[in-house]
Amino acid sequence: MTFYPFQDFLKRAANKYGISKEMEAAKICNDFRAIMPELLKGIPQADIYIQPAFYKNKTLVLNVLNPAWAQEIIIRRPKIIAEMNRKAGKEIIKNLYTQLHSSGQY
């Protein structure tokens, strides 16, 4: 019996059911959550105030709780894009935007 890596199964299943773009978007949002502490080093609990909203057409949109957090992202935009692309090993993000999300903490 031949065993295949689970990731291969997921890729084939995603392609079969037409959800490969959604899976890629979920992975990219998860990758952002994973590297955010390093990207926002020195800012305690940034993950409480900044969360990935969605990814589409090489654009990552982040929910922020107020304009000050949006400014932090804008200042670090080139670094965030470069690190996300480095982690993926290819250009996955060209644009990075913020949107205000006013429902309190995530």
Protein backbone atom coordinates (compact mmCIF):
# COMPACT_ATOMS: atom_id res chain seq x y z
CA MET A 1 0.00 0.00 0.00
CA THR A 2 1.29 3.45 -0.87
CA PHE A 3 0.91 6.33 1.56
CA TYR A 4 0.73 9.93 0.42
CA PRO A 5 1.33 13.06 2.48
CA PHE A 6 -1.89 14.57 3.82
CA GLN A 7 -1.05 17.88 2.11
CA ASP A 8 -1.19 16.14 -1.26
CA PHE A 9 -4.64 14.80 -0.45
CA LEU A 10 -5.84 18.27 0.55
CA LYS A 11 -4.54 19.85 -2.65
CA ARG A 12 -6.23 17.22 -4.82
CA ALA A 13 -9.49 17.47 -2.89
CA ALA A 14 -9.45 21.29 -3.06
CA ASN A 15 -8.92 21.19 -6.82
CA LYS A 16 -11.62 18.56 -7.27
CA TYR A 17 -14.20 20.58 -5.36
CA GLY A 18 -13.13 23.99 -6.65
CA ILE A 19 -12.01 25.43 -3.33
CA SER A 20 -8.28 25.78 -3.91
CA LYS A 21 -8.43 29.60 -3.86
CA GLU A 22 -10.30 29.56 -0.56
CA MET A 23 -7.74 27.17 0.93
CA GLU A 24 -4.89 29.38 -0.28
CA ALA A 25 -6.58 32.42 1.27
CA ALA A 26 -7.03 30.63 4.59
CA LYS A 27 -3.37 29.56 4.58
CA ILE A 28 -2.17 33.09 3.86
CA CYS A 29 -4.32 34.54 6.65
CA ASN A 30 -2.99 31.86 9.01
CA ASP A 31 0.59 32.61 7.93
CA PHE A 32 0.02 36.29 8.73
CA ARG A 33 -1.18 35.38 12.23
CA ALA A 34 1.92 33.22 12.71
CA ILE A 35 4.46 35.88 11.70
CA MET A 36 2.64 38.90 13.16
CA PRO A 37 4.45 38.75 16.55
CA GLU A 38 7.81 39.02 14.77
CA LEU A 39 6.62 41.72 12.36
CA LEU A 40 5.15 43.79 15.18
CA LYS A 41 7.89 43.09 17.70
CA GLY A 42 7.74 45.43 20.65
CA ILE A 43 4.00 45.96 20.40
CA PRO A 44 2.38 43.80 23.06
CA GLN A 45 -0.81 41.96 22.15
CA ALA A 46 -1.02 43.36 18.63
CA ASP A 47 -2.99 40.27 17.64
CA ILE A 48 -5.85 41.56 19.78
CA TYR A 49 -6.15 44.66 17.59
CA ILE A 50 -5.08 43.42 14.15
CA GLN A 51 -6.57 40.40 12.37
CA PRO A 52 -6.55 39.23 8.76
CA ALA A 53 -9.93 39.88 7.14
CA PHE A 54 -9.44 38.24 3.75
CA TYR A 55 -7.04 37.56 0.90
CA LYS A 56 -7.96 37.88 -2.76
CA ASN A 57 -6.08 38.69 -5.99
CA LYS A 58 -2.71 39.08 -4.24
CA THR A 59 -4.22 41.54 -1.76
CA LEU A 60 -4.29 40.96 1.99
CA VAL A 61 -6.83 43.01 3.94
CA LEU A 62 -6.43 43.41 7.69
CA ASN A 63 -9.09 44.40 10.19
CA VAL A 64 -7.87 46.99 12.69
CA LEU A 65 -9.72 48.46 15.65
CA ASN A 66 -8.77 52.10 15.15
CA PRO A 67 -6.76 54.44 12.90
CA ALA A 68 -3.68 54.19 15.12
CA TRP A 69 -3.40 50.46 14.38
CA ALA A 70 -3.99 51.14 10.70
CA GLN A 71 -1.04 53.55 10.81
CA GLU A 72 1.17 50.85 12.38
CA ILE A 73 0.33 48.56 9.47
CA ILE A 74 0.92 51.30 6.89
CA ILE A 75 4.34 52.06 8.38
CA ARG A 76 5.29 48.37 8.28
CA ARG A 77 3.58 47.56 4.96
CA PRO A 78 6.77 46.93 2.91
CA LYS A 79 8.21 44.69 5.63
CA ILE A 80 4.97 42.73 6.00
CA ILE A 81 4.63 42.17 2.26
CA ALA A 82 8.28 41.16 1.91
CA GLU A 83 8.12 38.71 4.82
CA MET A 84 4.88 37.11 3.65
CA ASN A 85 6.31 36.66 0.15
CA ARG A 86 9.57 35.28 1.57
CA LYS A 87 7.67 32.78 3.70
CA ALA A 88 5.67 31.62 0.67
CA GLY A 89 8.74 31.44 -1.55
CA LYS A 90 6.97 33.47 -4.22
CA GLU A 91 5.06 36.69 -4.67
CA ILE A 92 1.69 36.06 -3.06
CA ILE A 93 1.01 39.61 -1.85
CA LYS A 94 1.29 42.78 -3.90
CA ASN A 95 -1.06 44.97 -1.88
CA LEU A 96 -1.89 45.30 1.79
CA TYR A 97 -4.85 47.30 3.03
CA THR A 98 -6.54 47.95 6.36
CA GLN A 99 -10.17 48.38 7.21
CA LEU A 100 -11.66 49.57 10.47
CA HIS A 101 -13.49 46.94 12.46
CA SER A 102 -15.33 48.55 15.34
CA SER A 103 -16.80 45.60 17.24
CA GLY A 104 -14.24 45.75 20.05
CA GLN A 105 -11.50 43.23 20.66
CA TYR A 106 -11.33 40.11 18.50
